[in-house]
N, C-alpha and C. Protein backbone atom coordinates (compact mmCIF):
# COMPACT_ATOMS: atom_id res chain seq x y z
N MET A 1 224.81 101.53 70.26
CA MET A 1 225.42 100.73 71.04
C MET A 1 224.61 99.65 71.67
N THR A 2 225.28 98.31 72.07
CA THR A 2 224.38 97.24 72.56
C THR A 2 224.49 97.41 73.68
N SER A 3 223.26 97.19 74.45
CA SER A 3 222.85 97.06 75.72
C SER A 3 222.56 95.61 76.28
N HIS A 4 222.04 94.92 75.52
CA HIS A 4 221.70 93.29 75.78
C HIS A 4 222.73 92.38 74.98
N ILE A 5 223.22 91.48 75.39
CA ILE A 5 223.81 90.20 74.94
C ILE A 5 223.04 89.30 75.42
N VAL A 6 222.36 88.40 74.68
CA VAL A 6 221.79 87.09 75.30
C VAL A 6 222.60 85.86 74.83
N ASP A 7 223.14 85.12 75.36
CA ASP A 7 223.97 83.70 74.77
C ASP A 7 222.40 82.76 74.85
N LEU A 8 222.46 82.12 73.63
CA LEU A 8 221.49 81.12 73.25
C LEU A 8 222.06 79.81 73.15
N THR A 9 223.06 79.64 73.52
CA THR A 9 223.91 78.18 73.45
C THR A 9 223.96 77.43 74.68
N HIS A 10 223.51 76.11 74.23
CA HIS A 10 223.66 75.02 75.59
C HIS A 10 225.38 75.09 75.71
N ILE A 11 225.50 75.09 76.99
CA ILE A 11 226.94 74.55 77.54
C ILE A 11 227.36 73.20 77.24
N VAL A 12 228.30 73.10 76.49
CA VAL A 12 229.00 71.57 76.34
C VAL A 12 229.68 70.94 77.25
N ASP A 13 229.43 70.00 77.90
CA ASP A 13 230.20 68.94 78.92
C ASP A 13 229.94 67.78 78.56
N GLU A 14 230.15 66.86 79.29
CA GLU A 14 230.11 65.36 79.30
C GLU A 14 228.62 65.04 79.35
N THR A 15 227.63 65.79 79.71
CA THR A 15 226.20 65.42 79.91
C THR A 15 225.32 65.76 78.78
N ILE A 16 226.04 66.67 77.77
CA ILE A 16 225.34 66.95 76.71
C ILE A 16 224.94 65.95 75.77
N PRO A 17 223.79 65.77 75.39
CA PRO A 17 223.00 64.39 74.70
C PRO A 17 223.60 64.79 73.13
N ALA A 18 223.98 63.57 72.37
CA ALA A 18 224.17 63.38 71.26
C ALA A 18 223.03 63.30 70.45
N TYR A 19 222.76 63.39 69.26
CA TYR A 19 221.64 63.06 68.53
C TYR A 19 221.98 61.56 68.21
N PRO A 20 220.77 60.50 68.33
CA PRO A 20 221.29 59.45 67.95
C PRO A 20 222.06 58.88 66.73
N GLY A 21 223.08 58.40 66.78
CA GLY A 21 223.86 57.66 66.00
C GLY A 21 225.31 58.88 65.76
N ASP A 22 225.14 59.86 66.55
CA ASP A 22 226.18 60.95 66.39
C ASP A 22 227.21 60.49 67.59
N SER A 23 228.66 61.03 67.53
CA SER A 23 229.59 60.94 68.69
C SER A 23 229.20 61.80 69.66
N PRO A 24 229.27 61.21 70.97
CA PRO A 24 229.09 62.23 71.97
C PRO A 24 230.40 62.87 72.45
N TYR A 25 230.07 63.90 73.27
CA TYR A 25 231.19 64.65 73.57
C TYR A 25 232.13 64.04 74.52
N GLY A 26 233.58 64.17 74.38
CA GLY A 26 234.32 63.51 75.24
C GLY A 26 235.82 64.56 75.39
N VAL A 27 236.24 64.47 76.65
CA VAL A 27 237.65 65.46 76.99
C VAL A 27 238.81 64.57 77.08
N HIS A 28 239.69 64.96 76.59
CA HIS A 28 241.40 64.22 77.10
C HIS A 28 242.16 65.41 77.58
N VAL A 29 242.73 65.27 78.79
CA VAL A 29 243.46 66.07 79.09
C VAL A 29 244.92 65.66 79.35
N SER A 30 245.74 66.23 78.37
CA SER A 30 247.19 65.95 78.04
C SER A 30 248.13 66.63 78.80
N MET A 31 248.19 67.90 79.32
CA MET A 31 249.02 68.37 80.42
C MET A 31 248.30 69.43 81.38
N ARG A 32 248.65 69.35 82.51
CA ARG A 32 247.78 70.08 83.59
C ARG A 32 248.78 71.31 84.08
N ALA A 33 248.16 72.35 84.21
CA ALA A 33 248.90 73.48 84.61
C ALA A 33 249.65 73.34 86.14
N THR A 34 250.96 73.67 86.24
CA THR A 34 251.57 73.86 87.33
C THR A 34 251.70 75.18 88.23
N GLY A 35 251.16 76.23 87.45
CA GLY A 35 251.44 77.38 88.24
C GLY A 35 252.82 77.94 88.27
N ALA A 36 252.88 79.26 88.59
CA ALA A 36 254.36 79.89 88.57
C ALA A 36 255.16 79.22 89.84
N GLY A 37 256.60 79.45 89.67
CA GLY A 37 257.37 79.34 90.98
C GLY A 37 258.01 77.84 90.73
N VAL A 38 257.85 77.24 89.86
CA VAL A 38 258.20 75.81 89.83
C VAL A 38 259.30 75.79 88.62
N ASP A 39 260.12 74.43 88.92
CA ASP A 39 261.23 74.58 88.09
C ASP A 39 260.85 74.24 86.60
N GLN A 40 259.78 73.50 86.45
CA GLN A 40 259.03 73.46 85.08
C GLN A 40 257.76 73.79 85.16
N VAL A 41 257.40 74.77 84.28
CA VAL A 41 256.35 75.57 84.28
C VAL A 41 255.47 74.83 83.09
N PHE A 42 254.02 74.40 83.03
CA PHE A 42 253.46 73.60 82.27
C PHE A 42 252.01 74.24 82.45
N PRO A 43 251.37 74.19 80.74
CA PRO A 43 249.96 75.10 80.76
C PRO A 43 249.03 73.91 80.93
N ASN A 44 247.88 74.28 81.10
CA ASN A 44 246.79 73.31 80.81
C ASN A 44 246.58 72.94 78.96
N LEU A 45 246.58 71.72 78.65
CA LEU A 45 246.25 71.47 77.37
C LEU A 45 245.20 70.23 77.46
N SER A 46 244.19 70.49 76.55
CA SER A 46 243.45 69.43 76.34
C SER A 46 242.67 69.20 75.02
N GLN A 47 242.19 68.09 74.69
CA GLN A 47 241.55 68.01 73.42
C GLN A 47 240.06 67.35 73.72
N VAL A 48 239.23 67.82 72.73
CA VAL A 48 238.14 67.35 72.69
C VAL A 48 237.56 66.52 71.79
N LYS A 49 236.57 65.89 71.69
CA LYS A 49 235.90 64.97 70.55
C LYS A 49 234.48 65.36 70.72
N ILE A 50 234.04 65.80 69.45
CA ILE A 50 232.68 66.18 69.49
C ILE A 50 232.10 66.06 67.98
N GLY A 51 231.08 65.46 68.05
CA GLY A 51 230.20 65.32 66.67
C GLY A 51 229.86 66.79 66.25
N LEU A 52 229.86 67.06 65.02
CA LEU A 52 229.69 68.60 64.30
C LEU A 52 228.00 69.11 64.71
N HIS A 53 227.25 67.96 65.18
CA HIS A 53 225.90 68.35 65.11
C HIS A 53 225.46 67.87 66.87
N VAL A 54 226.28 68.24 67.59
CA VAL A 54 226.00 67.98 68.97
C VAL A 54 225.83 69.31 69.63
N GLY A 55 225.00 69.47 70.46
CA GLY A 55 224.74 70.89 71.00
C GLY A 55 224.26 71.77 70.05
N THR A 56 224.43 73.11 70.38
CA THR A 56 224.13 74.13 69.37
C THR A 56 224.89 74.23 68.29
N HIS A 57 224.26 74.06 67.17
CA HIS A 57 225.33 73.99 66.10
C HIS A 57 224.57 74.20 64.70
N GLY A 58 225.19 74.63 63.58
CA GLY A 58 224.79 74.92 62.16
C GLY A 58 224.73 73.77 61.37
N ASP A 59 223.92 73.67 60.41
CA ASP A 59 223.86 72.71 59.35
C ASP A 59 224.16 73.33 58.19
N ALA A 60 225.15 72.99 57.32
CA ALA A 60 225.57 73.50 56.20
C ALA A 60 224.78 72.55 55.06
N PRO A 61 224.46 73.31 53.76
CA PRO A 61 223.97 72.51 52.64
C PRO A 61 224.37 70.96 52.43
N TYR A 62 225.52 71.11 52.62
CA TYR A 62 226.24 69.57 52.26
C TYR A 62 225.85 68.60 53.49
N HIS A 63 225.07 68.90 54.40
CA HIS A 63 224.58 68.25 55.51
C HIS A 63 223.72 67.02 54.80
N PHE A 64 222.94 67.36 53.96
CA PHE A 64 222.20 66.60 53.12
C PHE A 64 222.17 66.68 51.56
N VAL A 65 222.79 67.67 51.30
CA VAL A 65 222.68 68.00 49.80
C VAL A 65 223.98 67.49 49.43
N PRO A 66 224.25 66.53 48.67
CA PRO A 66 225.53 66.04 48.20
C PRO A 66 226.57 66.85 47.65
N ASN A 67 226.36 67.91 46.84
CA ASN A 67 227.01 68.68 46.28
C ASN A 67 226.74 70.18 46.78
N GLY A 68 226.26 70.19 48.00
CA GLY A 68 225.69 71.45 48.63
C GLY A 68 227.18 72.29 49.20
N ASP A 69 226.79 73.61 49.35
CA ASP A 69 227.97 74.11 50.28
C ASP A 69 228.25 73.64 51.39
N THR A 70 229.74 73.46 51.80
CA THR A 70 230.16 72.89 52.84
C THR A 70 230.19 74.08 54.05
N ILE A 71 230.47 73.65 55.19
CA ILE A 71 230.36 74.74 56.22
C ILE A 71 231.41 75.82 56.12
N ASP A 72 232.46 75.49 55.45
CA ASP A 72 233.29 76.59 55.11
C ASP A 72 233.02 77.76 54.01
N GLN A 73 231.94 77.14 53.19
CA GLN A 73 231.65 77.84 52.18
C GLN A 73 230.34 78.62 52.41
N VAL A 74 229.76 78.35 53.46
CA VAL A 74 228.47 79.30 53.99
C VAL A 74 228.94 80.59 54.16
N ASN A 75 228.11 81.59 53.34
CA ASN A 75 228.12 83.14 53.21
C ASN A 75 227.61 83.39 54.68
N LEU A 76 228.98 84.17 55.40
CA LEU A 76 228.65 84.57 56.66
C LEU A 76 227.57 85.57 57.17
N SER A 77 227.41 86.42 55.85
CA SER A 77 226.11 87.50 56.15
C SER A 77 224.81 86.57 56.28
N ARG A 78 224.71 85.43 56.14
CA ARG A 78 223.55 84.67 56.45
C ARG A 78 223.40 84.41 58.10
N CYS A 79 224.35 84.40 58.52
CA CYS A 79 224.57 84.09 60.14
C CYS A 79 224.54 85.29 60.78
N LEU A 80 224.57 86.29 60.42
CA LEU A 80 224.80 87.56 61.39
C LEU A 80 223.90 88.82 60.73
N GLY A 81 222.98 89.03 61.57
CA GLY A 81 222.22 90.09 61.36
C GLY A 81 220.85 90.19 61.66
N PRO A 82 219.87 91.30 60.94
CA PRO A 82 218.54 91.40 61.62
C PRO A 82 217.76 90.16 61.82
N ALA A 83 217.18 89.99 63.06
CA ALA A 83 216.50 88.54 63.32
C ALA A 83 214.90 88.96 63.68
N CYS A 84 213.99 87.84 63.98
CA CYS A 84 212.72 88.04 64.44
C CYS A 84 212.52 86.69 65.05
N LEU A 85 211.46 86.98 66.18
CA LEU A 85 211.18 85.49 66.95
C LEU A 85 209.79 85.14 66.51
N ILE A 86 209.60 83.94 66.54
CA ILE A 86 208.19 83.34 66.35
C ILE A 86 207.94 82.60 67.75
N SER A 87 206.82 83.36 68.51
CA SER A 87 206.70 82.62 69.52
C SER A 87 205.63 81.68 69.54
N LEU A 88 205.98 80.36 69.73
CA LEU A 88 204.94 79.08 69.93
C LEU A 88 205.19 78.42 71.34
N ASP A 89 204.91 79.12 72.40
CA ASP A 89 205.42 78.54 73.34
C ASP A 89 204.57 77.02 73.77
N ASP A 90 205.03 76.46 74.54
CA ASP A 90 204.53 74.98 74.86
C ASP A 90 203.79 74.11 73.69
N PHE A 91 204.38 74.42 72.41
CA PHE A 91 204.09 73.83 71.15
C PHE A 91 203.87 72.25 71.54
N PRO A 92 202.97 71.65 70.83
CA PRO A 92 202.44 70.13 71.28
C PRO A 92 203.72 69.30 70.99
N ALA A 93 204.36 68.25 71.28
CA ALA A 93 205.01 67.33 71.12
C ALA A 93 205.03 66.64 70.01
N GLY A 94 205.78 66.54 69.15
CA GLY A 94 205.62 65.61 67.81
C GLY A 94 204.59 66.36 66.84
N GLU A 95 204.24 67.64 66.83
CA GLU A 95 203.48 68.18 65.99
C GLU A 95 204.26 69.09 65.21
N PRO A 96 203.54 69.35 63.67
CA PRO A 96 204.20 70.20 62.71
C PRO A 96 203.95 71.74 63.10
N ILE A 97 204.89 72.61 62.63
CA ILE A 97 204.61 74.00 62.67
C ILE A 97 204.59 74.18 61.08
N VAL A 98 203.37 75.03 60.65
CA VAL A 98 203.13 75.12 59.31
C VAL A 98 202.92 76.56 59.14
N VAL A 99 202.30 76.67 57.75
CA VAL A 99 202.60 78.00 57.21
C VAL A 99 201.88 79.09 58.07
N ASP A 100 200.49 78.50 58.66
CA ASP A 100 199.64 79.33 59.50
C ASP A 100 200.46 80.21 60.57
N HIS A 101 201.46 79.30 61.23
CA HIS A 101 201.96 79.75 62.22
C HIS A 101 202.98 81.19 61.94
N PHE A 102 203.40 80.96 60.63
CA PHE A 102 204.41 82.25 60.11
C PHE A 102 203.49 83.35 59.67
N LYS A 103 202.24 83.08 58.95
CA LYS A 103 201.79 84.20 58.30
C LYS A 103 201.35 85.69 59.02
N PRO A 104 201.01 85.39 60.07
CA PRO A 104 200.73 86.87 60.84
C PRO A 104 202.09 87.50 60.86
N ASN A 105 203.51 87.06 60.59
CA ASN A 105 204.63 87.62 60.97
C ASN A 105 205.25 87.86 59.68
N GLU A 106 204.76 87.80 58.32
CA GLU A 106 205.04 87.84 57.08
C GLU A 106 205.76 89.00 56.83
N ALA A 107 205.50 90.42 57.14
CA ALA A 107 205.76 91.48 56.76
C ALA A 107 207.48 91.53 57.70
N VAL A 108 207.32 91.13 58.97
CA VAL A 108 208.47 91.16 59.90
C VAL A 108 209.52 90.35 59.49
N ILE A 109 209.24 89.19 58.81
CA ILE A 109 210.12 88.12 58.37
C ILE A 109 210.79 88.67 57.15
N ARG A 110 210.02 89.41 56.24
CA ARG A 110 210.71 89.89 55.08
C ARG A 110 211.73 91.07 55.46
N LYS A 111 211.69 91.75 56.53
CA LYS A 111 212.32 92.43 57.18
C LYS A 111 213.83 92.18 57.94
N ALA A 112 213.30 91.00 58.58
CA ALA A 112 214.36 90.50 59.62
C ALA A 112 214.62 88.92 59.16
N PRO A 113 215.28 88.42 58.16
CA PRO A 113 215.05 87.31 57.68
C PRO A 113 215.93 86.16 58.21
N ARG A 114 216.15 86.36 59.52
CA ARG A 114 216.89 85.13 60.46
C ARG A 114 215.70 85.12 61.18
N VAL A 115 214.72 83.84 61.30
CA VAL A 115 213.87 83.50 61.88
C VAL A 115 214.25 82.71 63.09
N LEU A 116 213.94 82.90 64.32
CA LEU A 116 214.19 82.19 65.39
C LEU A 116 212.86 81.71 66.04
N ILE A 117 212.72 80.45 66.23
CA ILE A 117 211.37 79.77 66.73
C ILE A 117 211.50 79.38 68.00
N ARG A 118 210.64 79.96 68.86
CA ARG A 118 210.57 79.66 70.45
C ARG A 118 209.37 78.55 70.65
N THR A 119 209.58 77.15 71.40
CA THR A 119 208.62 76.36 71.59
C THR A 119 209.03 75.97 73.14
N GLY A 120 209.88 76.03 73.73
CA GLY A 120 210.35 75.72 74.96
C GLY A 120 210.72 74.35 74.94
N TRP A 121 210.81 73.53 73.95
CA TRP A 121 211.34 72.44 73.98
C TRP A 121 212.89 72.15 74.36
N ASP A 122 213.60 73.48 74.63
CA ASP A 122 214.93 73.50 74.97
C ASP A 122 215.05 73.03 76.37
N LYS A 123 213.96 73.28 77.00
CA LYS A 123 214.22 72.89 78.49
C LYS A 123 214.29 71.30 78.77
N ARG A 124 214.05 70.67 77.80
CA ARG A 124 213.90 69.01 77.95
C ARG A 124 215.04 68.33 77.31
N ILE A 125 216.06 69.12 76.96
CA ILE A 125 217.30 68.42 76.08
C ILE A 125 217.91 67.27 77.10
N ARG A 126 217.59 66.93 78.19
CA ARG A 126 218.12 65.92 79.27
C ARG A 126 217.19 64.76 79.39
N GLU A 127 215.70 65.09 78.45
CA GLU A 127 214.78 64.19 78.75
C GLU A 127 214.79 63.16 77.58
N SER A 128 214.20 62.04 77.87
CA SER A 128 214.47 60.94 77.11
C SER A 128 213.64 61.06 75.80
N ASP A 129 212.72 61.97 75.53
CA ASP A 129 212.06 62.08 74.22
C ASP A 129 212.41 63.19 73.67
N TYR A 130 213.54 63.96 74.32
CA TYR A 130 214.11 65.37 73.34
C TYR A 130 214.09 64.73 72.01
N PHE A 131 214.90 63.93 71.43
CA PHE A 131 215.15 63.58 69.93
C PHE A 131 213.96 62.99 69.44
N GLU A 132 212.93 62.26 70.04
CA GLU A 132 212.06 61.56 69.43
C GLU A 132 210.66 62.13 69.43
N ARG A 133 210.45 63.52 69.97
CA ARG A 133 209.09 63.69 69.97
C ARG A 133 209.13 65.38 70.03
N HIS A 134 210.07 65.84 69.25
CA HIS A 134 210.06 67.19 69.17
C HIS A 134 209.41 67.94 68.22
N PRO A 135 209.01 69.19 68.35
CA PRO A 135 208.39 69.81 67.29
C PRO A 135 209.02 69.81 66.10
N TRP A 136 208.53 69.94 64.87
CA TRP A 136 209.12 70.16 63.52
C TRP A 136 208.45 70.91 62.61
N ILE A 137 209.30 71.28 61.35
CA ILE A 137 208.67 72.60 60.53
C ILE A 137 208.31 71.53 58.95
N SER A 138 206.94 71.84 58.71
CA SER A 138 206.31 71.33 57.51
C SER A 138 207.20 71.83 56.35
N PRO A 139 207.44 70.97 55.45
CA PRO A 139 208.21 71.29 54.07
C PRO A 139 207.69 72.42 53.40
N GLU A 140 206.20 72.42 53.60
CA GLU A 140 205.32 73.80 53.10
C GLU A 140 205.78 74.99 53.60
N ALA A 141 205.84 74.92 54.76
CA ALA A 141 206.51 76.09 55.73
C ALA A 141 207.41 76.49 55.43
N ALA A 142 208.67 75.45 55.36
CA ALA A 142 210.17 75.72 54.84
C ALA A 142 209.94 76.53 53.49
N LYS A 143 209.36 75.95 52.33
CA LYS A 143 209.10 76.57 51.09
C LYS A 143 208.20 78.21 51.35
N TYR A 144 207.54 78.22 52.10
CA TYR A 144 206.98 79.68 52.35
C TYR A 144 207.83 80.63 53.01
N LEU A 145 208.91 80.21 53.75
CA LEU A 145 209.68 80.87 54.25
C LEU A 145 211.06 81.24 53.38
N VAL A 146 211.48 80.29 52.50
CA VAL A 146 212.25 80.42 51.54
C VAL A 146 211.65 81.43 50.44
N ASP A 147 210.59 81.67 50.24
CA ASP A 147 209.85 82.45 49.33
C ASP A 147 210.04 83.99 50.07
N LEU A 148 209.92 83.94 51.32
CA LEU A 148 210.06 85.21 51.98
C LEU A 148 211.29 85.92 52.04
N GLY A 149 212.22 85.07 51.54
CA GLY A 149 213.76 85.62 51.70
C GLY A 149 214.63 85.11 52.88
N LEU A 150 213.92 84.04 53.25
CA LEU A 150 214.80 83.48 54.39
C LEU A 150 216.26 83.20 54.45
N LEU A 151 217.01 83.84 55.27
CA LEU A 151 218.45 83.60 55.46
C LEU A 151 218.83 82.44 56.30
N THR A 152 218.52 82.34 57.46
CA THR A 152 219.14 81.69 58.63
C THR A 152 217.48 81.34 59.23
N ILE A 153 217.12 80.10 59.72
CA ILE A 153 216.54 79.63 60.86
C ILE A 153 217.16 79.03 61.98
N GLY A 154 216.48 79.28 63.13
CA GLY A 154 216.94 78.71 64.50
C GLY A 154 215.90 78.15 65.30
N LEU A 155 216.25 77.13 65.67
CA LEU A 155 215.06 76.61 66.71
C LEU A 155 215.89 76.19 67.99
N ASP A 156 214.64 75.92 68.95
CA ASP A 156 215.10 75.56 70.45
C ASP A 156 214.80 73.93 70.47
N PHE A 157 214.86 73.28 69.45
CA PHE A 157 214.73 71.87 69.42
C PHE A 157 215.52 70.95 68.44
N PRO A 158 216.01 69.92 68.47
CA PRO A 158 217.05 69.18 67.72
C PRO A 158 217.12 69.03 66.37
N SER A 159 216.04 69.29 65.57
CA SER A 159 215.94 68.92 64.19
C SER A 159 214.72 69.73 63.46
N VAL A 160 215.00 70.17 62.21
CA VAL A 160 213.83 70.78 61.89
C VAL A 160 212.74 69.77 61.34
N ASP A 161 213.15 68.50 61.14
CA ASP A 161 212.25 67.55 60.74
C ASP A 161 212.54 66.16 61.32
N TYR A 162 211.79 65.07 60.46
CA TYR A 162 212.36 63.70 60.80
C TYR A 162 212.52 63.32 59.41
N HIS A 163 212.88 61.97 59.30
CA HIS A 163 212.97 60.85 57.86
C HIS A 163 211.65 61.26 57.34
N PRO A 164 211.51 61.48 55.98
CA PRO A 164 212.62 61.31 54.96
C PRO A 164 213.28 62.85 54.83
N TYR A 165 213.09 63.56 55.68
CA TYR A 165 213.89 64.92 55.91
C TYR A 165 213.58 65.95 54.58
N SER A 166 212.34 65.98 54.23
CA SER A 166 212.03 66.85 53.26
C SER A 166 212.07 68.52 53.73
N THR A 167 211.97 68.74 54.82
CA THR A 167 212.19 70.03 55.31
C THR A 167 213.80 70.53 55.20
N HIS A 168 214.48 69.71 55.52
CA HIS A 168 216.22 70.02 55.38
C HIS A 168 216.36 70.24 54.00
N PHE A 169 215.62 69.47 53.07
CA PHE A 169 216.03 69.41 51.61
C PHE A 169 215.61 70.98 51.21
N ALA A 170 214.30 71.22 51.54
CA ALA A 170 213.87 72.54 51.12
C ALA A 170 214.49 73.79 51.65
N LEU A 171 215.14 73.56 52.85
CA LEU A 171 216.07 74.58 53.23
C LEU A 171 217.31 74.67 52.84
N LEU A 172 218.08 73.70 52.82
CA LEU A 172 219.40 73.70 52.52
C LEU A 172 219.76 73.70 51.21
N GLY A 173 218.41 73.12 50.58
CA GLY A 173 218.53 73.56 48.86
C GLY A 173 218.49 74.81 48.53
N ALA A 174 217.96 75.58 49.40
CA ALA A 174 217.99 77.13 48.86
C ALA A 174 218.85 77.99 49.85
N LYS A 175 220.14 77.01 50.30
CA LYS A 175 221.11 77.61 51.15
C LYS A 175 221.00 78.18 52.21
N VAL A 176 219.83 78.13 53.01
CA VAL A 176 219.51 78.50 54.14
C VAL A 176 220.14 78.03 55.44
N PHE A 177 220.62 78.71 56.07
CA PHE A 177 221.60 78.19 57.36
C PHE A 177 220.46 77.66 58.39
N ILE A 178 220.78 76.45 58.91
CA ILE A 178 220.04 76.02 59.80
C ILE A 178 220.70 76.13 61.33
N VAL A 179 220.10 76.63 62.10
CA VAL A 179 220.72 76.56 63.38
C VAL A 179 219.68 75.61 64.56
N GLU A 180 220.09 74.54 64.93
CA GLU A 180 219.48 73.67 65.94
C GLU A 180 219.85 73.83 67.37
N ASN A 181 219.08 73.43 68.41
CA ASN A 181 219.48 73.19 69.69
C ASN A 181 219.68 74.85 70.53
N LEU A 182 219.00 75.61 69.94
CA LEU A 182 219.16 76.69 70.66
C LEU A 182 218.35 76.87 72.06
N LYS A 183 218.57 77.75 72.88
CA LYS A 183 218.29 77.89 74.24
C LYS A 183 218.00 79.25 74.71
N GLY A 184 217.08 79.44 75.71
CA GLY A 184 216.92 80.94 76.41
C GLY A 184 216.04 81.78 75.21
N LEU A 185 215.25 81.28 74.28
CA LEU A 185 214.73 82.22 73.49
C LEU A 185 213.50 83.14 74.22
N ASP A 186 213.13 82.57 75.41
CA ASP A 186 212.52 83.45 76.06
C ASP A 186 212.82 84.78 77.03
N ARG A 187 214.05 84.85 76.55
CA ARG A 187 214.51 86.30 77.14
C ARG A 187 214.77 87.23 76.04
N LEU A 188 214.15 86.81 74.63
CA LEU A 188 214.18 88.00 73.50
C LEU A 188 213.15 88.67 73.59
N PRO A 189 213.07 89.71 72.80
CA PRO A 189 212.03 90.47 72.24
C PRO A 189 211.69 89.64 70.97
N LEU A 190 210.23 90.30 70.64
CA LEU A 190 209.70 89.43 69.11
C LEU A 190 210.53 90.14 67.90
N GLN A 191 210.93 91.34 68.15
CA GLN A 191 211.73 91.80 66.99
C GLN A 191 212.56 92.99 67.60
N ASP A 192 213.28 93.46 66.20
CA ASP A 192 214.29 94.54 66.55
C ASP A 192 215.51 94.14 67.37
N PHE A 193 215.98 93.03 67.09
CA PHE A 193 217.46 92.66 67.83
C PHE A 193 218.18 92.08 66.48
N GLN A 194 219.47 91.65 66.69
CA GLN A 194 220.44 91.10 65.77
C GLN A 194 220.59 89.66 66.24
N PHE A 195 221.05 88.73 65.51
CA PHE A 195 221.16 87.35 65.68
C PHE A 195 222.84 86.97 65.11
N SER A 196 223.45 86.19 65.80
CA SER A 196 224.82 85.89 65.43
C SER A 196 224.81 84.20 65.88
N ALA A 197 225.36 83.41 64.97
CA ALA A 197 225.77 82.24 64.79
C ALA A 197 226.50 81.64 64.02
N LEU A 198 227.97 82.32 64.28
CA LEU A 198 228.99 81.83 63.24
C LEU A 198 229.67 80.62 63.56
N PRO A 199 229.79 79.70 62.42
CA PRO A 199 230.45 78.38 62.48
C PRO A 199 231.97 78.59 62.40
N LEU A 200 232.60 77.48 62.67
CA LEU A 200 233.69 77.24 62.39
C LEU A 200 234.42 77.20 61.08
N ASN A 201 235.60 77.50 60.74
CA ASN A 201 235.92 77.37 59.25
C ASN A 201 236.49 76.01 59.12
N LEU A 202 235.68 75.22 59.06
CA LEU A 202 235.97 73.57 58.97
C LEU A 202 236.05 73.22 57.37
N ARG A 203 236.99 72.97 56.85
CA ARG A 203 237.05 72.80 55.53
C ARG A 203 236.12 71.43 54.99
N GLY A 204 235.25 71.57 54.38
CA GLY A 204 234.69 70.17 53.73
C GLY A 204 233.63 69.62 54.25
N ARG A 205 233.41 70.21 55.66
CA ARG A 205 232.19 69.48 56.64
C ARG A 205 231.12 70.06 56.36
N ASP A 206 229.95 69.20 57.11
CA ASP A 206 228.84 69.25 57.03
C ASP A 206 227.58 70.14 57.96
N GLY A 207 228.99 70.64 59.01
CA GLY A 207 228.15 71.50 60.09
C GLY A 207 229.10 71.80 61.14
N SER A 208 228.70 72.56 62.05
CA SER A 208 229.80 73.13 63.26
C SER A 208 228.90 73.36 64.40
N PRO A 209 229.42 73.46 65.72
CA PRO A 209 229.03 73.81 66.68
C PRO A 209 229.16 75.43 66.49
N VAL A 210 228.28 76.25 66.98
CA VAL A 210 228.39 77.60 66.70
C VAL A 210 228.03 78.25 68.51
N ARG A 211 228.37 79.54 68.45
CA ARG A 211 228.17 80.16 69.73
C ARG A 211 227.28 81.20 69.32
N ALA A 212 225.74 81.03 69.82
CA ALA A 212 224.76 81.85 68.99
C ALA A 212 224.45 82.88 70.11
N VAL A 213 224.11 84.25 69.76
CA VAL A 213 224.01 85.08 70.64
C VAL A 213 222.94 85.97 69.97
N ALA A 214 221.98 86.30 70.90
CA ALA A 214 221.21 87.79 70.34
C ALA A 214 221.64 89.22 70.85
N PHE A 215 221.35 90.21 70.17
CA PHE A 215 221.88 91.54 70.72
C PHE A 215 221.04 92.67 70.23
N TRP A 216 220.59 93.60 70.93
CA TRP A 216 219.94 94.90 70.58
C TRP A 216 220.45 95.80 71.56
């Protein structure tokens, strides 16, 4: 029986920043609820506009791999199951996360191949350098994790790397599901928990918002 459920998802509203070049979040209200007891009863109805990589979201292989699986083709077993946490609190801005940061946890990663990385960068999501100086994962570390059987990688910063995106190619080329912009990983144990980050079933698309949770 689950006794703990932790929401790891940034709330989405008009203040959520979009990755440079992506579409910001917006809302259009087309109808407002009247309440009961009136001649014509109407519900609340609204539409949202959001880039698929705004806020807490998942990357499909197709995000960078021209013939890669689209988000509706991602195997959901990758997105749900045993996970572990790599604690790198107060990680230096703009520095790479390398193989040596993962090696002490090799046995745990093999057992729980959904790896979440905690750096504390999520607390800076509304700061001007959030997208420009975040930690990143070296391509060598990505390949090392793939060799360990990695299924999903989740991080509390906005991207696994920078241009020319070698880490994205290493992970997505191996069909690893990437979950970016997690928050609140300081509320999790280091191991013995489950992770879920299920994407929307959007045909032919490169990514999707997710509702990411951990539970144990």
